[in-house]
Structure formats: C-alpha cells, structure tokens
Amino acid sequence: MKNILLIILTLFAGLQVFAQEKGVIIQACGDPSYNYQAKKEDLIKDENYIYKLVQKKAQPKEGFDVFFKNLNINIKEELGDKVKRSSTLKYIKIKIRFVVEKDGSLTNMTIIEDKFDLANDVFQIIKEKSKWEPAELENKIVRMYFTLPIKIKLD
C-alpha cells in the first residue's frame, strides 16, 4: 500500500501546471513565486513572463534546415581545433536552452548537455550568426524558452 501511494505521489509531483482556455495553452515554468491561479489574461499581460508553449514558436528566420547547415559550417570554421579533439566519435552532442526575446535576440543560455565544454562557444555563434523570429501567443509577441539539441558531425 505504501508503494502504491509513493508511486501516485511521485506521478502527481512530476506533473506541470497547465491552464487551457479556447485552444490556448499556457504552461507554467516552475517559478515558485509566480501566481499560477491568476487569470489567463494576467499571464498574457505580464511582459516578463517566459512561455514554453505558444501558438507560434520562435524560429530562425532562414528556417531550421538552413540554420543547422550554416551552424555546422560556422562551428567547424570557428571551433575547428576544439571539435576535432576525439577521433573515435562520429558526432558531438550539445543541448542548450535559451530565451528568444520579443525582438528576436537570444539571452539566458542554460547548458543542458555538453561533454566537451563547447556550449558557450556554440551559443555565441548562434547569437552572432543567426536572426530569430520571436514567438507569438494570441497575436502578441512574447518571450519564449527554446531548447535546442545540436549534433556536430565530425569528419
């Protein structure tokens, strides 16, 4: 019985808070100081709120295919020596999270996965070499968390 209660408690503790109304989904980002009981209108009006789920996601202006192609070229040009460290690997995997601001700029980078200490350099390349379109929620431009997995193919 204790095991069942523990499993149920674990499942409920792992759930994130969602508010849904008229097809709009707003996901609370886990900030304990934020009032999740507020009305949807209050969440949308908050200029500093960073969304995870929106109607139109932030994206590179040139599209993801061109973005990743250019990113791979730029990484090899600017970080060539760092990328060629290990000849036994076929690729290097990096995962970062950042905020796409209302003006399309990128801020607040967080490293999620980076075994070769390249994330900061890669984030600088992304900030300098690409332009981003901001996210939209109910036809209003908003800030958005964006998680970006990157695979750097080694030659």
Protein backbone atom coordinates (compact mmCIF):
# COMPACT_ATOMS: atom_id res chain seq x y z
CA MET A 1 0.00 0.00 0.00
CA LYS A 2 2.85 2.38 0.84
CA ASN A 3 4.46 1.65 -2.52
CA ILE A 4 1.26 2.46 -4.39
CA LEU A 5 0.86 5.74 -2.50
CA LEU A 6 4.50 6.59 -3.19
CA ILE A 7 4.05 5.94 -6.93
CA ILE A 8 0.88 8.05 -7.08
CA LEU A 9 2.55 10.88 -5.15
CA THR A 10 5.56 10.76 -7.49
CA LEU A 11 3.32 10.95 -10.56
CA PHE A 12 1.39 13.94 -9.24
CA ALA A 13 4.56 15.72 -8.11
CA GLY A 14 6.02 15.38 -11.60
CA LEU A 15 3.07 16.99 -13.37
CA GLN A 16 3.41 20.58 -14.56
CA VAL A 17 0.70 23.16 -14.16
CA PHE A 18 -1.30 23.93 -17.30
CA ALA A 19 -4.04 26.47 -17.95
CA GLN A 20 -6.17 25.92 -21.03
CA GLU A 21 -8.94 28.04 -22.48
CA LYS A 22 -10.23 28.39 -26.04
CA GLY A 23 -7.39 26.35 -27.55
CA VAL A 24 -4.66 28.48 -25.93
CA ILE A 25 -2.21 26.63 -23.75
CA ILE A 26 -0.09 28.45 -21.22
CA GLN A 27 2.45 26.37 -19.37
CA ALA A 28 3.73 27.49 -16.00
CA CYS A 29 7.51 27.37 -15.94
CA GLY A 30 8.03 26.22 -12.37
CA ASP A 31 8.75 29.57 -10.70
CA PRO A 32 7.50 29.11 -7.11
CA SER A 33 6.96 32.85 -6.67
CA TYR A 34 4.60 33.07 -9.67
CA ASN A 35 0.84 33.05 -9.02
CA TYR A 36 -0.44 30.17 -11.18
CA GLN A 37 -4.01 30.78 -10.05
CA ALA A 38 -4.02 34.11 -11.92
CA LYS A 39 -6.37 34.51 -14.86
CA LYS A 40 -5.13 33.75 -18.37
CA GLU A 41 -5.35 37.46 -19.24
CA ASP A 42 -3.00 38.30 -16.38
CA LEU A 43 -0.45 35.76 -17.62
CA ILE A 44 -0.55 37.12 -21.16
CA LYS A 45 -0.28 40.74 -19.97
CA ASP A 46 2.85 40.03 -17.91
CA GLU A 47 5.65 41.43 -20.08
CA ASN A 48 8.40 39.46 -18.33
CA TYR A 49 6.75 36.04 -18.40
CA ILE A 50 8.69 33.45 -20.42
CA TYR A 51 6.49 30.88 -22.18
CA LYS A 52 7.27 27.28 -23.07
CA LEU A 53 4.15 26.62 -25.15
CA VAL A 54 2.78 29.18 -27.58
CA GLN A 55 0.69 29.28 -30.73
CA LYS A 56 3.61 30.23 -32.98
CA LYS A 57 7.04 29.10 -31.81
CA ALA A 58 10.18 31.16 -32.14
CA GLN A 59 12.40 30.03 -35.01
CA PRO A 60 15.39 31.09 -37.08
CA LYS A 61 14.36 33.49 -39.87
CA GLU A 62 16.02 31.32 -42.53
CA GLY A 63 14.27 28.14 -41.32
CA PHE A 64 15.72 25.22 -39.40
CA ASP A 65 17.26 23.36 -42.36
CA VAL A 66 19.37 26.34 -43.43
CA PHE A 67 20.04 27.27 -39.79
CA PHE A 68 21.53 23.86 -38.91
CA LYS A 69 23.52 23.70 -42.15
CA ASN A 70 25.03 27.15 -41.51
CA LEU A 71 25.57 26.38 -37.83
CA ASN A 72 27.55 23.26 -38.65
CA ILE A 73 29.74 25.20 -41.11
CA ASN A 74 30.28 28.06 -38.65
CA ILE A 75 31.17 25.71 -35.80
CA LYS A 76 33.75 23.89 -37.91
CA GLU A 77 35.26 27.20 -39.10
CA GLU A 78 35.41 28.89 -35.70
CA LEU A 79 35.90 25.92 -33.36
CA GLY A 80 37.82 23.59 -35.65
CA ASP A 81 40.52 22.58 -33.14
CA LYS A 82 38.08 22.05 -30.27
CA VAL A 83 35.74 19.97 -32.43
CA LYS A 84 38.48 17.63 -33.68
CA ARG A 85 39.52 16.52 -30.16
CA SER A 86 38.25 12.97 -30.30
CA SER A 87 38.74 10.90 -33.43
CA THR A 88 36.70 7.95 -32.10
CA LEU A 89 33.40 9.84 -32.05
CA LYS A 90 31.15 10.32 -35.06
CA TYR A 91 29.44 13.38 -33.62
CA ILE A 92 29.34 15.67 -30.60
CA LYS A 93 26.00 16.29 -28.94
CA ILE A 94 25.16 19.58 -27.21
CA LYS A 95 21.83 20.63 -25.76
CA ILE A 96 21.17 24.20 -24.66
CA ARG A 97 18.16 26.20 -23.54
CA PHE A 98 17.83 29.93 -24.09
CA VAL A 99 15.22 32.66 -24.21
CA VAL A 100 14.13 34.15 -27.52
CA GLU A 101 13.23 37.73 -26.63
CA LYS A 102 10.49 39.82 -28.22
CA ASP A 103 12.99 41.47 -30.57
CA GLY A 104 14.39 38.09 -31.70
CA SER A 105 17.58 38.37 -29.65
CA LEU A 106 18.80 35.38 -27.64
CA THR A 107 19.52 35.55 -23.89
CA ASN A 108 19.77 33.48 -20.71
CA MET A 109 21.56 30.41 -22.09
CA THR A 110 21.48 27.31 -19.90
CA ILE A 111 23.60 24.24 -20.64
CA ILE A 112 21.63 21.01 -20.50
CA GLU A 113 24.17 18.65 -22.10
CA ASP A 114 27.77 19.42 -23.02
CA LYS A 115 30.53 16.84 -22.52
CA PHE A 116 33.20 18.79 -24.44
CA ASP A 117 32.73 22.27 -22.97
CA LEU A 118 31.58 23.77 -26.29
CA ALA A 119 28.12 25.10 -25.38
CA ASN A 120 29.17 28.67 -24.57
CA ASP A 121 31.10 28.97 -27.84
CA VAL A 122 28.25 27.45 -29.85
CA PHE A 123 25.73 29.79 -28.21
CA GLN A 124 27.91 32.79 -29.14
CA ILE A 125 28.00 31.59 -32.76
CA ILE A 126 24.21 31.20 -32.77
CA LYS A 127 23.72 34.69 -31.28
CA GLU A 128 26.09 36.35 -33.74
CA LYS A 129 25.35 34.47 -36.97
CA SER A 130 21.58 33.91 -36.93
CA LYS A 131 18.47 36.05 -36.70
CA TRP A 132 15.38 34.74 -34.94
CA GLU A 133 11.66 35.42 -35.26
CA PRO A 134 10.03 35.77 -31.83
CA ALA A 135 7.16 33.62 -30.57
CA GLU A 136 3.51 34.69 -30.68
CA LEU A 137 0.59 34.00 -28.37
CA GLU A 138 -2.86 35.32 -29.35
CA ASN A 139 -1.25 37.57 -31.98
CA LYS A 140 1.01 39.15 -29.36
CA ILE A 141 4.80 38.80 -29.48
CA VAL A 142 6.07 37.08 -26.31
CA ARG A 143 9.28 35.77 -24.79
CA MET A 144 9.83 32.02 -25.11
CA TYR A 145 12.11 29.30 -23.73
CA PHE A 146 13.71 27.39 -26.57
CA THR A 147 15.59 24.10 -26.12
CA LEU A 148 17.99 23.36 -28.95
CA PRO A 149 19.68 19.96 -29.42
CA ILE A 150 22.75 20.23 -31.63
CA LYS A 151 24.72 17.41 -33.29
CA ILE A 152 28.11 18.37 -34.66
CA LYS A 153 29.19 15.78 -37.21
CA LEU A 154 32.90 15.03 -37.01
CA ASP A 155 34.88 14.40 -40.17
